[in-house]
N, C-alpha and C. Protein backbone atom coordinates (compact mmCIF):
# COMPACT_ATOMS: atom_id res chain seq x y z
N MET A 1 0.86 -1.19 0.00
CA MET A 1 0.00 0.00 0.00
C MET A 1 0.90 1.24 0.00
N THR A 2 0.82 2.02 -1.05
CA THR A 2 1.71 3.15 -1.22
C THR A 2 0.95 4.46 -1.02
N LEU A 3 1.53 5.32 -0.21
CA LEU A 3 1.01 6.67 -0.05
C LEU A 3 1.93 7.62 -0.81
N GLU A 4 1.32 8.54 -1.53
CA GLU A 4 2.10 9.54 -2.26
C GLU A 4 1.90 10.90 -1.63
N THR A 5 2.98 11.65 -1.54
CA THR A 5 2.88 13.00 -0.99
C THR A 5 2.11 13.88 -1.97
N LEU A 6 1.04 14.46 -1.49
CA LEU A 6 0.20 15.35 -2.30
C LEU A 6 0.58 16.80 -2.07
N ILE A 7 0.80 17.17 -0.82
CA ILE A 7 1.17 18.54 -0.46
C ILE A 7 2.28 18.47 0.57
N ASP A 8 3.35 19.21 0.35
CA ASP A 8 4.43 19.34 1.33
C ASP A 8 4.65 20.84 1.54
N ALA A 9 3.97 21.38 2.52
CA ALA A 9 4.00 22.82 2.79
C ALA A 9 4.14 23.00 4.29
N PRO A 10 5.40 22.93 4.79
CA PRO A 10 5.60 22.98 6.24
C PRO A 10 4.80 24.10 6.91
N PRO A 11 4.19 23.79 8.07
CA PRO A 11 4.37 22.57 8.87
C PRO A 11 3.52 21.38 8.44
N TRP A 12 2.79 21.50 7.31
CA TRP A 12 1.85 20.47 6.92
C TRP A 12 2.43 19.55 5.85
N ARG A 13 2.01 18.29 5.95
CA ARG A 13 2.23 17.34 4.86
C ARG A 13 0.93 16.56 4.67
N VAL A 14 0.53 16.40 3.42
CA VAL A 14 -0.67 15.64 3.11
C VAL A 14 -0.28 14.54 2.14
N ALA A 15 -0.63 13.32 2.49
CA ALA A 15 -0.39 12.17 1.61
C ALA A 15 -1.73 11.67 1.09
N ILE A 16 -1.70 11.05 -0.07
CA ILE A 16 -2.93 10.52 -0.68
C ILE A 16 -2.74 9.05 -1.02
N ALA A 17 -3.79 8.30 -0.79
CA ALA A 17 -3.88 6.93 -1.28
C ALA A 17 -5.03 6.89 -2.26
N ASP A 18 -4.74 6.61 -3.51
CA ASP A 18 -5.79 6.61 -4.52
C ASP A 18 -6.58 5.31 -4.45
N GLY A 19 -7.77 5.34 -5.00
CA GLY A 19 -8.61 4.16 -5.01
C GLY A 19 -9.76 4.34 -5.98
N THR A 20 -10.55 3.29 -6.12
CA THR A 20 -11.65 3.32 -7.08
C THR A 20 -13.00 3.54 -6.40
N GLY A 21 -13.04 3.53 -5.08
CA GLY A 21 -14.30 3.70 -4.38
C GLY A 21 -14.84 5.11 -4.53
N ASP A 22 -16.14 5.26 -4.21
CA ASP A 22 -16.77 6.57 -4.36
C ASP A 22 -16.84 7.34 -3.05
N ALA A 23 -16.15 6.84 -2.00
CA ALA A 23 -16.08 7.53 -0.72
C ALA A 23 -14.66 8.04 -0.51
N LEU A 24 -14.56 9.06 0.34
CA LEU A 24 -13.26 9.66 0.65
C LEU A 24 -13.12 9.77 2.16
N VAL A 25 -11.97 9.34 2.68
CA VAL A 25 -11.67 9.44 4.11
C VAL A 25 -10.54 10.45 4.31
N LEU A 26 -10.74 11.36 5.23
CA LEU A 26 -9.71 12.32 5.64
C LEU A 26 -9.23 11.88 7.01
N ALA A 27 -7.97 11.47 7.13
CA ALA A 27 -7.43 10.97 8.39
C ALA A 27 -6.36 11.94 8.91
N PHE A 28 -6.57 12.42 10.12
CA PHE A 28 -5.69 13.42 10.72
C PHE A 28 -4.85 12.78 11.82
N SER A 29 -3.54 13.02 11.78
CA SER A 29 -2.64 12.39 12.73
C SER A 29 -2.68 13.07 14.09
N SER A 30 -2.35 12.29 15.10
CA SER A 30 -2.22 12.80 16.46
C SER A 30 -0.84 13.42 16.64
N ILE A 31 -0.51 13.78 17.88
CA ILE A 31 0.80 14.38 18.16
C ILE A 31 1.93 13.44 17.79
N GLY A 32 1.72 12.14 17.98
CA GLY A 32 2.76 11.17 17.66
C GLY A 32 3.69 10.91 18.84
N HIS A 33 4.64 10.04 18.63
CA HIS A 33 5.52 9.60 19.72
C HIS A 33 6.89 10.25 19.69
N ASP A 34 7.26 10.87 18.60
CA ASP A 34 8.59 11.47 18.47
C ASP A 34 8.42 12.97 18.24
N ALA A 35 8.68 13.74 19.28
CA ALA A 35 8.45 15.19 19.21
C ALA A 35 9.35 15.87 18.19
N GLY A 36 10.44 15.21 17.80
CA GLY A 36 11.39 15.83 16.89
C GLY A 36 11.08 15.59 15.42
N ARG A 37 10.00 14.85 15.14
CA ARG A 37 9.68 14.52 13.75
C ARG A 37 8.21 14.80 13.48
N ILE A 38 7.89 14.99 12.21
CA ILE A 38 6.50 15.16 11.83
C ILE A 38 5.75 13.87 12.14
N PRO A 39 4.51 13.94 12.61
CA PRO A 39 3.77 12.71 12.90
C PRO A 39 3.62 11.83 11.66
N SER A 40 3.45 10.55 11.89
CA SER A 40 3.24 9.59 10.81
C SER A 40 1.76 9.53 10.43
N PRO A 41 1.45 9.07 9.22
CA PRO A 41 0.04 8.86 8.85
C PRO A 41 -0.61 7.85 9.79
N GLU A 42 -1.88 8.06 10.10
CA GLU A 42 -2.61 7.17 10.99
C GLU A 42 -3.90 6.70 10.32
N PHE A 43 -4.43 5.58 10.81
CA PHE A 43 -5.67 4.98 10.30
C PHE A 43 -5.51 4.53 8.84
N VAL A 44 -4.30 4.19 8.43
CA VAL A 44 -4.06 3.92 7.01
C VAL A 44 -4.86 2.71 6.52
N ALA A 45 -4.76 1.59 7.21
CA ALA A 45 -5.43 0.38 6.73
C ALA A 45 -6.95 0.54 6.75
N SER A 46 -7.49 1.07 7.82
CA SER A 46 -8.95 1.19 7.93
C SER A 46 -9.49 2.25 6.99
N ALA A 47 -8.75 3.32 6.79
CA ALA A 47 -9.21 4.36 5.86
C ALA A 47 -9.21 3.84 4.42
N ARG A 48 -8.24 2.99 4.08
CA ARG A 48 -8.07 2.52 2.70
C ARG A 48 -8.87 1.27 2.39
N ALA A 49 -9.49 0.66 3.39
CA ALA A 49 -10.20 -0.61 3.17
C ALA A 49 -11.26 -0.45 2.09
N GLY A 50 -11.46 -1.49 1.31
CA GLY A 50 -12.42 -1.43 0.22
C GLY A 50 -11.95 -0.58 -0.95
N ASN A 51 -10.65 -0.35 -1.02
CA ASN A 51 -10.05 0.46 -2.08
C ASN A 51 -10.59 1.89 -2.09
N ARG A 52 -10.84 2.41 -0.87
CA ARG A 52 -11.28 3.80 -0.75
C ARG A 52 -10.12 4.75 -1.03
N ARG A 53 -10.47 5.93 -1.50
CA ARG A 53 -9.50 7.01 -1.55
C ARG A 53 -9.37 7.61 -0.15
N ALA A 54 -8.18 8.07 0.17
CA ALA A 54 -7.95 8.64 1.50
C ALA A 54 -6.87 9.71 1.44
N LEU A 55 -7.05 10.72 2.26
CA LEU A 55 -6.05 11.76 2.46
C LEU A 55 -5.56 11.69 3.90
N PHE A 56 -4.27 11.85 4.09
CA PHE A 56 -3.67 11.75 5.42
C PHE A 56 -2.95 13.07 5.74
N PHE A 57 -3.39 13.72 6.80
CA PHE A 57 -2.91 15.05 7.17
C PHE A 57 -1.99 14.94 8.38
N MET A 58 -0.79 15.53 8.25
CA MET A 58 0.20 15.52 9.33
C MET A 58 0.68 16.93 9.59
N ASP A 59 0.74 17.32 10.85
CA ASP A 59 1.08 18.69 11.23
C ASP A 59 2.29 18.68 12.16
N GLU A 60 3.44 19.09 11.63
CA GLU A 60 4.66 19.10 12.43
C GLU A 60 4.59 20.10 13.58
N SER A 61 3.80 21.16 13.43
CA SER A 61 3.71 22.18 14.48
C SER A 61 2.75 21.80 15.59
N ARG A 62 1.96 20.76 15.40
CA ARG A 62 0.98 20.32 16.40
C ARG A 62 0.07 21.49 16.81
N SER A 63 -0.62 22.03 15.83
CA SER A 63 -1.43 23.24 16.05
C SER A 63 -2.89 22.94 16.40
N PHE A 64 -3.28 21.66 16.44
CA PHE A 64 -4.66 21.28 16.76
C PHE A 64 -5.66 21.94 15.80
N GLY A 65 -5.25 22.11 14.56
CA GLY A 65 -6.13 22.69 13.55
C GLY A 65 -6.29 24.19 13.65
N LEU A 66 -5.47 24.85 14.45
CA LEU A 66 -5.57 26.30 14.62
C LEU A 66 -4.54 27.07 13.80
N ASP A 67 -3.68 26.36 13.07
CA ASP A 67 -2.72 27.05 12.20
C ASP A 67 -3.48 27.83 11.14
N PRO A 68 -3.10 29.08 10.87
CA PRO A 68 -3.84 29.89 9.89
C PRO A 68 -3.90 29.29 8.49
N SER A 69 -2.97 28.42 8.16
CA SER A 69 -2.96 27.83 6.83
C SER A 69 -3.89 26.63 6.71
N PHE A 70 -4.49 26.20 7.80
CA PHE A 70 -5.30 24.99 7.79
C PHE A 70 -6.47 25.05 6.81
N PRO A 71 -7.28 26.12 6.79
CA PRO A 71 -8.42 26.14 5.85
C PRO A 71 -7.99 26.02 4.39
N ALA A 72 -6.96 26.76 3.99
CA ALA A 72 -6.52 26.70 2.60
C ALA A 72 -5.93 25.34 2.26
N LEU A 73 -5.21 24.75 3.21
CA LEU A 73 -4.66 23.41 2.99
C LEU A 73 -5.79 22.40 2.76
N LEU A 74 -6.82 22.47 3.58
CA LEU A 74 -7.95 21.56 3.42
C LEU A 74 -8.60 21.72 2.05
N GLN A 75 -8.82 22.97 1.66
CA GLN A 75 -9.46 23.22 0.36
C GLN A 75 -8.62 22.65 -0.77
N ALA A 76 -7.32 22.87 -0.73
CA ALA A 76 -6.44 22.41 -1.81
C ALA A 76 -6.41 20.88 -1.86
N ALA A 77 -6.30 20.25 -0.70
CA ALA A 77 -6.23 18.79 -0.67
C ALA A 77 -7.55 18.18 -1.12
N ARG A 78 -8.65 18.76 -0.66
CA ARG A 78 -9.97 18.21 -1.02
C ARG A 78 -10.22 18.34 -2.52
N GLU A 79 -9.86 19.45 -3.12
CA GLU A 79 -10.04 19.62 -4.56
C GLU A 79 -9.17 18.63 -5.34
N ALA A 80 -7.96 18.40 -4.87
CA ALA A 80 -7.06 17.49 -5.56
C ALA A 80 -7.54 16.04 -5.49
N ALA A 81 -8.28 15.70 -4.43
CA ALA A 81 -8.75 14.33 -4.26
C ALA A 81 -9.88 13.98 -5.21
N GLY A 82 -10.59 14.97 -5.73
CA GLY A 82 -11.67 14.71 -6.67
C GLY A 82 -13.00 14.47 -5.99
N PRO A 83 -14.06 14.29 -6.76
CA PRO A 83 -15.41 14.16 -6.21
C PRO A 83 -15.57 12.87 -5.42
N ALA A 84 -16.49 12.91 -4.45
CA ALA A 84 -16.80 11.74 -3.64
C ALA A 84 -18.26 11.77 -3.27
N ARG A 85 -18.87 10.58 -3.22
CA ARG A 85 -20.28 10.49 -2.82
C ARG A 85 -20.46 10.88 -1.37
N ARG A 86 -19.58 10.40 -0.50
CA ARG A 86 -19.60 10.77 0.91
C ARG A 86 -18.18 10.95 1.40
N THR A 87 -18.01 11.87 2.34
CA THR A 87 -16.70 12.17 2.90
C THR A 87 -16.75 12.04 4.41
N LEU A 88 -15.76 11.36 4.95
CA LEU A 88 -15.64 11.18 6.40
C LEU A 88 -14.31 11.71 6.87
N ALA A 89 -14.29 12.38 8.02
CA ALA A 89 -13.06 12.82 8.66
C ALA A 89 -12.89 12.05 9.97
N THR A 90 -11.66 11.66 10.26
CA THR A 90 -11.41 10.91 11.48
C THR A 90 -10.04 11.22 12.03
N GLY A 91 -9.86 10.90 13.29
CA GLY A 91 -8.58 11.10 13.95
C GLY A 91 -8.69 10.78 15.43
N SER A 92 -7.54 10.69 16.07
CA SER A 92 -7.47 10.41 17.50
C SER A 92 -6.74 11.55 18.19
N SER A 93 -7.25 11.99 19.35
CA SER A 93 -6.63 13.03 20.15
C SER A 93 -6.52 14.32 19.33
N MET A 94 -5.32 14.84 19.11
CA MET A 94 -5.19 16.05 18.29
C MET A 94 -5.79 15.84 16.92
N GLY A 95 -5.62 14.65 16.35
CA GLY A 95 -6.21 14.36 15.05
C GLY A 95 -7.72 14.44 15.06
N ALA A 96 -8.33 14.06 16.19
CA ALA A 96 -9.79 14.16 16.32
C ALA A 96 -10.23 15.61 16.35
N VAL A 97 -9.46 16.46 17.02
CA VAL A 97 -9.77 17.90 17.03
C VAL A 97 -9.68 18.46 15.62
N CYS A 98 -8.64 18.08 14.88
CA CYS A 98 -8.50 18.55 13.50
C CYS A 98 -9.66 18.07 12.63
N ALA A 99 -10.10 16.83 12.84
CA ALA A 99 -11.23 16.31 12.07
C ALA A 99 -12.48 17.14 12.34
N LEU A 100 -12.72 17.50 13.59
CA LEU A 100 -13.87 18.32 13.94
C LEU A 100 -13.75 19.72 13.33
N ARG A 101 -12.57 20.30 13.40
CA ARG A 101 -12.38 21.65 12.84
C ARG A 101 -12.47 21.64 11.32
N ALA A 102 -12.09 20.54 10.70
CA ALA A 102 -12.11 20.47 9.23
C ALA A 102 -13.51 20.70 8.68
N ALA A 103 -14.51 20.21 9.39
CA ALA A 103 -15.89 20.31 8.90
C ALA A 103 -16.39 21.74 8.83
N ALA A 104 -15.70 22.67 9.49
CA ALA A 104 -16.07 24.08 9.40
C ALA A 104 -15.55 24.72 8.12
N HIS A 105 -14.66 24.01 7.40
CA HIS A 105 -14.01 24.61 6.23
C HIS A 105 -14.32 23.89 4.92
N ILE A 106 -14.64 22.61 4.99
CA ILE A 106 -14.97 21.85 3.79
C ILE A 106 -16.16 20.94 4.11
N PRO A 107 -16.95 20.54 3.10
CA PRO A 107 -18.08 19.65 3.38
C PRO A 107 -17.63 18.28 3.86
N VAL A 108 -18.16 17.87 4.99
CA VAL A 108 -17.87 16.56 5.57
C VAL A 108 -19.20 15.95 6.00
N ASP A 109 -19.46 14.72 5.58
CA ASP A 109 -20.73 14.07 5.91
C ASP A 109 -20.73 13.47 7.30
N ALA A 110 -19.59 12.95 7.75
CA ALA A 110 -19.53 12.31 9.06
C ALA A 110 -18.13 12.46 9.64
N ILE A 111 -18.07 12.43 10.97
CA ILE A 111 -16.80 12.53 11.69
C ILE A 111 -16.77 11.43 12.75
N ILE A 112 -15.64 10.73 12.84
CA ILE A 112 -15.38 9.83 13.95
C ILE A 112 -14.19 10.43 14.71
N ALA A 113 -14.46 10.98 15.89
CA ALA A 113 -13.45 11.68 16.68
C ALA A 113 -13.17 10.89 17.95
N LEU A 114 -11.98 10.33 18.06
CA LEU A 114 -11.61 9.51 19.20
C LEU A 114 -10.79 10.33 20.19
N GLY A 115 -11.38 10.65 21.33
CA GLY A 115 -10.67 11.38 22.37
C GLY A 115 -10.29 12.80 22.01
N PRO A 116 -11.17 13.56 21.34
CA PRO A 116 -10.80 14.94 21.03
C PRO A 116 -10.74 15.81 22.29
N GLN A 117 -9.84 16.77 22.29
CA GLN A 117 -9.73 17.71 23.39
C GLN A 117 -10.76 18.82 23.24
N SER A 118 -11.49 19.07 24.29
CA SER A 118 -12.39 20.22 24.32
C SER A 118 -11.69 21.44 24.88
N ARG A 119 -10.68 21.20 25.69
CA ARG A 119 -9.89 22.26 26.32
C ARG A 119 -8.42 21.96 26.08
N LEU A 120 -7.75 22.88 25.42
CA LEU A 120 -6.37 22.62 25.04
C LEU A 120 -5.39 22.79 26.18
N HIS A 121 -5.72 23.62 27.16
CA HIS A 121 -4.76 23.91 28.23
C HIS A 121 -4.87 22.88 29.34
N ASP A 122 -4.56 21.66 28.96
CA ASP A 122 -4.50 20.52 29.87
C ASP A 122 -3.02 20.20 30.06
N PRO A 123 -2.57 19.94 31.30
CA PRO A 123 -1.13 19.69 31.52
C PRO A 123 -0.55 18.59 30.65
N ARG A 124 -1.36 17.64 30.21
CA ARG A 124 -0.83 16.54 29.39
C ARG A 124 -0.29 17.01 28.05
N TRP A 125 -0.81 18.11 27.55
CA TRP A 125 -0.40 18.61 26.23
C TRP A 125 0.20 20.01 26.30
N HIS A 126 0.64 20.38 27.51
CA HIS A 126 1.10 21.76 27.72
C HIS A 126 2.26 22.12 26.79
N ARG A 127 3.13 21.16 26.52
CA ARG A 127 4.29 21.43 25.65
C ARG A 127 3.86 22.00 24.31
N TRP A 128 2.72 21.50 23.80
CA TRP A 128 2.27 21.90 22.47
C TRP A 128 1.23 23.02 22.51
N THR A 129 0.47 23.10 23.56
CA THR A 129 -0.69 24.00 23.56
C THR A 129 -0.47 25.30 24.32
N ALA A 130 0.61 25.43 25.06
CA ALA A 130 0.82 26.65 25.84
C ALA A 130 0.86 27.89 24.95
N ARG A 131 1.32 27.73 23.72
CA ARG A 131 1.43 28.87 22.80
C ARG A 131 0.13 29.16 22.07
N LEU A 132 -0.86 28.29 22.21
CA LEU A 132 -2.09 28.41 21.45
C LEU A 132 -3.19 29.08 22.28
N ALA A 133 -4.00 29.87 21.62
CA ALA A 133 -5.24 30.30 22.25
C ALA A 133 -6.15 29.09 22.37
N ASP A 134 -7.01 29.10 23.39
CA ASP A 134 -7.92 27.98 23.59
C ASP A 134 -9.33 28.42 23.27
N PRO A 135 -9.83 28.11 22.07
CA PRO A 135 -11.17 28.57 21.69
C PRO A 135 -12.30 27.72 22.24
N GLY A 136 -11.98 26.68 23.01
CA GLY A 136 -13.01 25.79 23.52
C GLY A 136 -13.31 24.68 22.54
N PRO A 137 -14.37 23.90 22.79
CA PRO A 137 -14.67 22.76 21.93
C PRO A 137 -14.91 23.18 20.48
N PRO A 138 -14.39 22.43 19.53
CA PRO A 138 -14.70 22.74 18.12
C PRO A 138 -16.21 22.71 17.90
N PRO A 139 -16.75 23.63 17.14
CA PRO A 139 -18.21 23.65 16.94
C PRO A 139 -18.67 22.50 16.07
N TYR A 140 -19.88 22.04 16.32
CA TYR A 140 -20.50 21.04 15.46
C TYR A 140 -21.05 21.71 14.21
N MET A 141 -20.97 21.02 13.09
CA MET A 141 -21.56 21.51 11.87
C MET A 141 -22.95 20.88 11.68
N PRO A 142 -23.94 21.66 11.30
CA PRO A 142 -25.33 21.16 11.30
C PRO A 142 -25.60 20.01 10.35
N ASN A 143 -24.85 19.89 9.27
CA ASN A 143 -25.10 18.83 8.29
C ASN A 143 -24.09 17.70 8.37
N THR A 144 -23.39 17.60 9.50
CA THR A 144 -22.35 16.59 9.68
C THR A 144 -22.70 15.71 10.87
N TRP A 145 -22.84 14.41 10.62
CA TRP A 145 -23.06 13.45 11.71
C TRP A 145 -21.74 13.31 12.46
N THR A 146 -21.78 13.57 13.77
CA THR A 146 -20.57 13.60 14.58
C THR A 146 -20.61 12.48 15.62
N ILE A 147 -19.58 11.65 15.61
CA ILE A 147 -19.45 10.54 16.56
C ILE A 147 -18.23 10.83 17.43
N LEU A 148 -18.49 11.11 18.70
CA LEU A 148 -17.43 11.40 19.66
C LEU A 148 -17.23 10.19 20.56
N CYS A 149 -15.99 9.89 20.90
CA CYS A 149 -15.68 8.82 21.84
C CYS A 149 -14.63 9.32 22.83
N HIS A 150 -14.84 9.00 24.11
CA HIS A 150 -13.88 9.41 25.14
C HIS A 150 -13.68 8.28 26.16
N GLY A 151 -12.44 8.10 26.59
CA GLY A 151 -12.14 7.22 27.71
C GLY A 151 -12.27 8.01 29.01
N LEU A 152 -13.05 7.51 29.93
CA LEU A 152 -13.39 8.29 31.12
C LEU A 152 -12.38 8.21 32.25
N LEU A 153 -11.44 7.27 32.19
CA LEU A 153 -10.52 7.14 33.32
C LEU A 153 -9.71 8.40 33.55
N ASP A 154 -9.39 9.14 32.47
CA ASP A 154 -8.66 10.39 32.67
C ASP A 154 -9.17 11.52 31.76
N ASP A 155 -10.29 11.30 31.06
CA ASP A 155 -10.78 12.30 30.12
C ASP A 155 -12.22 12.73 30.41
N ARG A 156 -12.71 12.51 31.62
CA ARG A 156 -14.10 12.87 31.90
C ARG A 156 -14.35 14.37 31.71
N ASP A 157 -13.46 15.20 32.24
CA ASP A 157 -13.67 16.65 32.10
C ASP A 157 -13.62 17.08 30.64
N GLN A 158 -12.68 16.51 29.89
CA GLN A 158 -12.60 16.83 28.47
C GLN A 158 -13.88 16.41 27.75
N ALA A 159 -14.40 15.24 28.09
CA ALA A 159 -15.61 14.73 27.43
C ALA A 159 -16.82 15.59 27.75
N MET A 160 -17.01 15.93 29.01
CA MET A 160 -18.23 16.60 29.42
C MET A 160 -18.30 18.06 28.96
N ALA A 161 -17.18 18.60 28.52
CA ALA A 161 -17.19 19.98 28.00
C ALA A 161 -17.74 20.04 26.58
N PHE A 162 -17.89 18.88 25.92
CA PHE A 162 -18.57 18.85 24.63
C PHE A 162 -20.07 18.82 24.89
N PRO A 163 -20.82 19.79 24.41
CA PRO A 163 -22.25 19.82 24.71
C PRO A 163 -23.03 18.78 23.92
N PRO A 164 -24.06 18.20 24.52
CA PRO A 164 -24.97 17.35 23.74
C PRO A 164 -25.64 18.17 22.65
N ALA A 165 -25.94 17.55 21.52
CA ALA A 165 -26.58 18.26 20.41
C ALA A 165 -27.20 17.27 19.46
N PRO A 166 -28.22 17.68 18.71
CA PRO A 166 -28.77 16.82 17.67
C PRO A 166 -27.69 16.47 16.65
N GLY A 167 -27.73 15.25 16.17
CA GLY A 167 -26.75 14.82 15.18
C GLY A 167 -25.41 14.43 15.76
N VAL A 168 -25.32 14.39 17.10
CA VAL A 168 -24.06 14.02 17.76
C VAL A 168 -24.30 12.77 18.60
N ASP A 169 -23.53 11.72 18.35
CA ASP A 169 -23.52 10.52 19.20
C ASP A 169 -22.24 10.52 20.00
N HIS A 170 -22.38 10.56 21.32
CA HIS A 170 -21.22 10.64 22.21
C HIS A 170 -21.15 9.35 23.01
N LEU A 171 -20.09 8.59 22.79
CA LEU A 171 -19.88 7.31 23.46
C LEU A 171 -18.75 7.45 24.49
N LEU A 172 -19.04 6.99 25.71
CA LEU A 172 -18.10 7.09 26.82
C LEU A 172 -17.63 5.70 27.21
N PHE A 173 -16.33 5.58 27.46
CA PHE A 173 -15.72 4.29 27.77
C PHE A 173 -15.17 4.34 29.20
N PRO A 174 -15.93 3.85 30.18
CA PRO A 174 -15.54 4.02 31.58
C PRO A 174 -14.27 3.28 31.97
N ALA A 175 -13.86 2.25 31.23
CA ALA A 175 -12.70 1.46 31.61
C ALA A 175 -11.44 1.84 30.85
N LEU A 176 -11.49 2.90 30.03
CA LEU A 176 -10.34 3.24 29.19
C LEU A 176 -9.79 4.62 29.51
N THR A 177 -8.49 4.77 29.28
CA THR A 177 -7.85 6.09 29.34
C THR A 177 -7.86 6.72 27.96
N HIS A 178 -7.48 7.99 27.93
CA HIS A 178 -7.32 8.70 26.65
C HIS A 178 -6.38 7.95 25.73
N ALA A 179 -5.24 7.53 26.25
CA ALA A 179 -4.21 6.91 25.42
C ALA A 179 -4.61 5.52 24.93
N ARG A 180 -5.50 4.83 25.64
CA ARG A 180 -5.86 3.47 25.28
C ARG A 180 -7.05 3.39 24.34
N LEU A 181 -7.79 4.47 24.16
CA LEU A 181 -9.04 4.39 23.40
C LEU A 181 -8.83 3.92 21.96
N ALA A 182 -8.04 4.64 21.19
CA ALA A 182 -7.83 4.25 19.79
C ALA A 182 -7.15 2.89 19.67
N PRO A 183 -6.08 2.60 20.46
CA PRO A 183 -5.50 1.26 20.36
C PRO A 183 -6.47 0.15 20.72
N HIS A 184 -7.34 0.39 21.69
CA HIS A 184 -8.35 -0.60 22.07
C HIS A 184 -9.26 -0.94 20.88
N LEU A 185 -9.73 0.07 20.19
CA LEU A 185 -10.59 -0.18 19.02
C LEU A 185 -9.82 -0.84 17.90
N ARG A 186 -8.58 -0.43 17.71
CA ARG A 186 -7.75 -1.03 16.65
C ARG A 186 -7.46 -2.50 16.95
N GLU A 187 -7.09 -2.80 18.19
CA GLU A 187 -6.76 -4.18 18.56
C GLU A 187 -7.96 -5.11 18.42
N ARG A 188 -9.15 -4.58 18.57
CA ARG A 188 -10.35 -5.40 18.43
C ARG A 188 -10.84 -5.45 16.97
N GLY A 189 -10.09 -4.81 16.08
CA GLY A 189 -10.43 -4.86 14.66
C GLY A 189 -11.69 -4.10 14.30
N LEU A 190 -11.97 -3.01 15.01
CA LEU A 190 -13.25 -2.31 14.85
C LEU A 190 -13.17 -1.03 14.02
N LEU A 191 -11.98 -0.52 13.76
CA LEU A 191 -11.88 0.78 13.09
C LEU A 191 -12.46 0.74 11.68
N GLN A 192 -12.16 -0.31 10.93
CA GLN A 192 -12.71 -0.38 9.57
C GLN A 192 -14.22 -0.43 9.60
N GLY A 193 -14.80 -1.23 10.49
CA GLY A 193 -16.25 -1.31 10.59
C GLY A 193 -16.88 0.02 10.95
N LEU A 194 -16.23 0.77 11.82
CA LEU A 194 -16.75 2.09 12.19
C LEU A 194 -16.76 3.02 10.98
N ILE A 195 -15.68 3.02 10.22
CA ILE A 195 -15.62 3.89 9.04
C ILE A 195 -16.63 3.44 8.00
N ASP A 196 -16.73 2.13 7.78
CA ASP A 196 -17.72 1.61 6.83
C ASP A 196 -19.13 2.07 7.21
N ALA A 197 -19.46 1.92 8.49
CA ALA A 197 -20.81 2.25 8.96
C ALA A 197 -21.09 3.75 8.88
N ALA A 198 -20.09 4.56 9.18
CA ALA A 198 -20.29 6.01 9.12
C ALA A 198 -20.48 6.49 7.70
N LEU A 199 -19.85 5.82 6.75
CA LEU A 199 -19.97 6.21 5.36
C LEU A 199 -21.26 5.69 4.72
N THR A 200 -21.89 4.67 5.33
CA THR A 200 -23.06 4.05 4.69
C THR A 200 -24.24 4.99 4.49
N PRO A 201 -24.77 5.72 5.48
CA PRO A 201 -24.49 5.69 6.92
C PRO A 201 -25.40 4.70 7.64
N ASP A 202 -24.88 4.10 8.72
CA ASP A 202 -25.61 3.09 9.47
C ASP A 202 -25.39 3.35 10.97
N ARG A 203 -26.29 4.14 11.54
CA ARG A 203 -26.13 4.53 12.95
C ARG A 203 -26.25 3.33 13.89
N ARG A 204 -27.18 2.44 13.61
CA ARG A 204 -27.33 1.27 14.47
C ARG A 204 -26.05 0.45 14.54
N ARG A 205 -25.41 0.30 13.40
CA ARG A 205 -24.16 -0.47 13.39
C ARG A 205 -23.06 0.25 14.18
N ILE A 206 -22.97 1.56 14.02
CA ILE A 206 -21.98 2.34 14.78
C ILE A 206 -22.18 2.11 16.27
N LEU A 207 -23.41 2.26 16.74
CA LEU A 207 -23.68 2.14 18.17
C LEU A 207 -23.44 0.70 18.64
N ARG A 208 -23.76 -0.28 17.81
CA ARG A 208 -23.54 -1.67 18.17
C ARG A 208 -22.04 -1.97 18.29
N ILE A 209 -21.26 -1.48 17.34
CA ILE A 209 -19.81 -1.72 17.38
C ILE A 209 -19.20 -1.09 18.63
N LEU A 210 -19.57 0.14 18.91
CA LEU A 210 -18.97 0.84 20.05
C LEU A 210 -19.43 0.24 21.37
N ALA A 211 -20.68 -0.21 21.43
CA ALA A 211 -21.15 -0.88 22.64
C ALA A 211 -20.38 -2.19 22.87
N SER A 212 -20.07 -2.91 21.79
CA SER A 212 -19.33 -4.17 21.93
C SER A 212 -17.93 -3.94 22.47
N ALA A 213 -17.42 -2.72 22.30
CA ALA A 213 -16.08 -2.38 22.78
C ALA A 213 -16.10 -1.75 24.16
N GLY A 214 -17.29 -1.64 24.78
CA GLY A 214 -17.39 -1.08 26.12
C GLY A 214 -17.90 0.33 26.18
N GLY A 215 -18.35 0.88 25.04
CA GLY A 215 -18.85 2.24 25.02
C GLY A 215 -20.30 2.33 25.51
N VAL A 216 -20.60 3.39 26.23
CA VAL A 216 -21.95 3.66 26.73
C VAL A 216 -22.38 5.02 26.22
N ARG A 217 -23.56 5.09 25.64
CA ARG A 217 -24.02 6.37 25.12
C ARG A 217 -24.18 7.37 26.24
N ARG A 218 -23.70 8.55 26.03
CA ARG A 218 -23.84 9.62 27.02
C ARG A 218 -25.34 9.87 27.27
N GLY A 219 -25.67 10.05 28.52
CA GLY A 219 -27.06 10.20 28.90
C GLY A 219 -27.69 8.91 29.35
N LYS A 220 -26.99 7.79 29.15
CA LYS A 220 -27.49 6.48 29.59
C LYS A 220 -26.83 6.11 30.91
N GLY A 221 -26.93 7.00 31.88
CA GLY A 221 -26.33 6.74 33.18
C GLY A 221 -24.86 7.07 33.25
N MET A 222 -24.34 7.72 32.19
CA MET A 222 -22.90 8.03 32.14
C MET A 222 -22.66 9.52 32.00
N GLY A 223 -23.47 10.33 32.61
CA GLY A 223 -23.29 11.77 32.52
C GLY A 223 -24.36 12.38 31.66
N SER A 224 -24.53 13.70 31.78
CA SER A 224 -25.59 14.38 31.04
C SER A 224 -25.19 14.64 29.61
């Protein structure tokens, strides 16, 4: 599986995986494990499943989608990818925040956001966020189905700062930490199914998959 660099405009790099499917996945990388290097592409196998086209966004500056060049970068990458019947944005942690912010700049049908930060000035990410203004939770877009997931062991405050809203499914995982959420879903082989269901769209399947992994819908005894 080969990814080709589509845009190299520091601090951003966008890679593309071409395909014959009529759906497009936008996958945004998290902070990553090596602070001295640009993050690696994430969600590659699940985004590309079924020969889907996919764009992979990496931000060396770790700006959480607040870099001034972000809107223009999204527009350029989306135009280069060509038409799609449905478009999904996804990511984990910082990547989830970028996925949510992307929908304010380009049309996105659905978002799967794993552990997005609602408040940037959290000591866990202070190295990257101290220089950033904190605008609060990314706004929901009215025509975008938004699926939020949070591990409650250390992310309850981050989760509860996202307001309930129509068109938003918020799944809470009481036995998981922020860092374990995405790996937990990946290890159980659920990421591809989540993307497939979000693109269909199939809400029942999304909720069934997340429940099987320990997720509880917000408002079902797990917070307001």
